């Protein structure tokens, strides 16, 4: 569990959406289906969730 304010960014990972916290740790959320590119129109669900939590679009890695 982490606070929304502790999230600095989000990224698509192999096993789920990774939320990078302000201490540098990464929390991976398995409940989101991580398919599709952040650039898709409309964006995939994981992108919308990451944007809603972080306030910005996820980065591509």
N, C-alpha and C. Protein backbone atom coordinates (compact mmCIF):
# COMPACT_ATOMS: atom_id res chain seq x y z
N UNK A 1 0.84 -1.17 0.00
CA UNK A 1 0.00 0.00 0.00
C UNK A 1 0.89 1.23 0.00
N UNK A 2 0.47 2.24 -0.74
CA UNK A 2 1.25 3.47 -0.82
C UNK A 2 0.31 4.64 -1.03
N UNK A 3 0.78 5.81 -0.69
CA UNK A 3 -0.02 7.02 -0.88
C UNK A 3 0.11 7.51 -2.31
N UNK A 4 -0.95 8.03 -2.84
CA UNK A 4 -0.92 8.59 -4.19
C UNK A 4 0.14 9.67 -4.29
N UNK A 5 0.31 10.45 -3.25
CA UNK A 5 1.29 11.53 -3.27
C UNK A 5 2.73 11.01 -3.33
N UNK A 6 2.96 9.73 -3.02
CA UNK A 6 4.30 9.15 -3.07
C UNK A 6 4.68 8.68 -4.47
N UNK A 7 3.73 8.66 -5.40
CA UNK A 7 3.99 8.16 -6.76
C UNK A 7 4.61 9.28 -7.59
N UNK A 8 5.79 8.99 -8.17
CA UNK A 8 6.45 9.99 -9.00
C UNK A 8 6.25 9.74 -10.48
N UNK A 9 6.04 8.47 -10.87
CA UNK A 9 5.78 8.15 -12.28
C UNK A 9 5.21 6.75 -12.38
N UNK A 10 4.80 6.39 -13.59
CA UNK A 10 4.26 5.05 -13.84
C UNK A 10 4.82 4.57 -15.16
N UNK A 11 4.94 3.25 -15.29
CA UNK A 11 5.46 2.69 -16.53
C UNK A 11 4.87 1.31 -16.77
N UNK A 12 4.83 0.94 -18.02
CA UNK A 12 4.35 -0.37 -18.40
C UNK A 12 5.46 -1.38 -18.12
N UNK A 13 5.13 -2.42 -17.39
CA UNK A 13 6.10 -3.46 -17.10
C UNK A 13 5.70 -4.77 -17.73
N UNK A 14 6.51 -5.79 -17.53
CA UNK A 14 6.22 -7.11 -18.09
C UNK A 14 5.05 -7.79 -17.41
N UNK A 15 4.85 -7.50 -16.13
CA UNK A 15 3.83 -8.19 -15.34
C UNK A 15 2.71 -7.29 -14.84
N UNK A 16 2.74 -6.03 -15.18
CA UNK A 16 1.71 -5.11 -14.72
C UNK A 16 2.21 -3.68 -14.80
N UNK A 17 1.41 -2.76 -14.33
CA UNK A 17 1.79 -1.35 -14.32
C UNK A 17 2.67 -1.10 -13.11
N UNK A 18 3.84 -0.51 -13.35
CA UNK A 18 4.76 -0.21 -12.25
C UNK A 18 4.63 1.24 -11.84
N UNK A 19 4.41 1.45 -10.55
CA UNK A 19 4.37 2.81 -10.01
C UNK A 19 5.68 3.06 -9.27
N UNK A 20 6.42 4.09 -9.71
CA UNK A 20 7.69 4.44 -9.08
C UNK A 20 7.38 5.41 -7.95
N UNK A 21 7.85 5.05 -6.74
CA UNK A 21 7.59 5.88 -5.57
C UNK A 21 8.74 6.84 -5.33
N UNK A 22 8.49 7.86 -4.52
CA UNK A 22 9.50 8.88 -4.28
C UNK A 22 10.76 8.36 -3.60
N UNK A 23 10.71 7.18 -3.01
CA UNK A 23 11.92 6.59 -2.42
C UNK A 23 12.67 5.72 -3.42
N UNK A 24 12.21 5.68 -4.68
CA UNK A 24 12.86 4.91 -5.73
C UNK A 24 12.34 3.50 -5.90
N UNK A 25 11.52 3.02 -4.98
CA UNK A 25 10.98 1.67 -5.10
C UNK A 25 9.87 1.65 -6.16
N UNK A 26 9.63 0.44 -6.69
CA UNK A 26 8.61 0.27 -7.72
C UNK A 26 7.58 -0.73 -7.22
N UNK A 27 6.32 -0.33 -7.26
CA UNK A 27 5.21 -1.20 -6.88
C UNK A 27 4.51 -1.61 -8.16
N UNK A 28 4.37 -2.91 -8.39
CA UNK A 28 3.74 -3.40 -9.61
C UNK A 28 2.31 -3.82 -9.30
N UNK A 29 1.39 -3.32 -10.09
CA UNK A 29 -0.03 -3.62 -9.93
C UNK A 29 -0.41 -4.66 -10.98
N UNK A 30 -0.84 -5.82 -10.54
CA UNK A 30 -1.18 -6.91 -11.44
C UNK A 30 -2.60 -6.82 -11.98
N UNK A 31 -3.46 -6.07 -11.33
CA UNK A 31 -4.88 -6.05 -11.67
C UNK A 31 -5.17 -5.36 -13.00
N UNK A 32 -4.22 -4.62 -13.52
CA UNK A 32 -4.44 -3.89 -14.77
C UNK A 32 -3.86 -4.66 -15.94
N UNK A 33 -4.60 -4.72 -17.01
CA UNK A 33 -4.11 -5.39 -18.21
C UNK A 33 -3.19 -4.43 -18.95
N UNK A 34 -1.94 -4.81 -19.06
CA UNK A 34 -0.94 -3.93 -19.67
C UNK A 34 -0.70 -4.27 -21.13
N UNK A 35 -1.69 -4.02 -21.94
CA UNK A 35 -1.54 -4.22 -23.37
C UNK A 35 -1.80 -2.90 -24.06
N UNK A 36 -1.20 -2.72 -25.16
CA UNK A 36 -1.40 -1.49 -25.91
C UNK A 36 -0.39 -0.43 -25.51
N UNK A 37 -0.11 0.42 -26.43
CA UNK A 37 0.86 1.48 -26.25
C UNK A 37 0.22 2.70 -25.58
N UNK A 38 1.02 3.46 -24.83
CA UNK A 38 0.50 4.70 -24.27
C UNK A 38 0.01 5.67 -25.35
N UNK A 39 0.51 5.48 -26.58
CA UNK A 39 0.17 6.37 -27.69
C UNK A 39 -1.11 5.97 -28.42
N UNK A 40 -1.73 4.85 -28.03
CA UNK A 40 -2.95 4.38 -28.70
C UNK A 40 -4.10 5.37 -28.49
N UNK A 41 -5.05 5.35 -29.40
CA UNK A 41 -6.22 6.21 -29.27
C UNK A 41 -7.47 5.35 -29.46
N UNK A 42 -8.28 5.16 -28.46
CA UNK A 42 -8.12 5.65 -27.10
C UNK A 42 -7.01 4.89 -26.37
N UNK A 43 -6.45 5.51 -25.32
CA UNK A 43 -5.38 4.85 -24.58
C UNK A 43 -5.89 3.61 -23.84
N UNK A 44 -5.03 2.60 -23.65
CA UNK A 44 -5.45 1.42 -22.90
C UNK A 44 -5.76 1.75 -21.44
N UNK A 45 -6.48 0.86 -20.80
CA UNK A 45 -6.91 1.08 -19.42
C UNK A 45 -5.77 1.36 -18.46
N UNK A 46 -4.64 0.66 -18.64
CA UNK A 46 -3.52 0.86 -17.72
C UNK A 46 -2.98 2.27 -17.82
N UNK A 47 -3.02 2.87 -19.03
CA UNK A 47 -2.54 4.24 -19.22
C UNK A 47 -3.47 5.22 -18.51
N UNK A 48 -4.76 5.02 -18.65
CA UNK A 48 -5.74 5.90 -18.00
C UNK A 48 -5.59 5.83 -16.47
N UNK A 49 -5.44 4.62 -15.94
CA UNK A 49 -5.28 4.46 -14.49
C UNK A 49 -3.98 5.11 -14.01
N UNK A 50 -2.90 4.88 -14.74
CA UNK A 50 -1.62 5.48 -14.36
C UNK A 50 -1.69 7.00 -14.42
N UNK A 51 -2.35 7.53 -15.45
CA UNK A 51 -2.51 8.99 -15.57
C UNK A 51 -3.34 9.54 -14.43
N UNK A 52 -4.42 8.84 -14.08
CA UNK A 52 -5.28 9.31 -13.00
C UNK A 52 -4.57 9.31 -11.65
N UNK A 53 -3.70 8.34 -11.45
CA UNK A 53 -2.99 8.26 -10.17
C UNK A 53 -1.83 9.24 -10.10
N UNK A 54 -1.06 9.37 -11.18
CA UNK A 54 0.13 10.21 -11.14
C UNK A 54 -0.11 11.64 -11.60
N UNK A 55 -1.18 11.85 -12.36
CA UNK A 55 -1.44 13.19 -12.90
C UNK A 55 -0.73 13.45 -14.21
N UNK A 56 -0.03 12.43 -14.76
CA UNK A 56 0.65 12.58 -16.05
C UNK A 56 0.70 11.23 -16.76
N UNK A 57 1.03 11.26 -18.03
CA UNK A 57 1.08 10.02 -18.81
C UNK A 57 2.30 9.20 -18.41
N UNK A 58 2.19 7.88 -18.46
CA UNK A 58 3.32 7.02 -18.13
C UNK A 58 4.45 7.16 -19.13
N UNK A 59 5.66 6.85 -18.67
CA UNK A 59 6.83 6.92 -19.54
C UNK A 59 7.03 5.59 -20.24
N UNK A 60 7.63 5.62 -21.40
CA UNK A 60 7.96 4.38 -22.11
C UNK A 60 9.37 3.99 -21.71
N UNK A 61 9.56 2.69 -21.42
CA UNK A 61 10.90 2.23 -21.06
C UNK A 61 11.33 1.13 -22.00
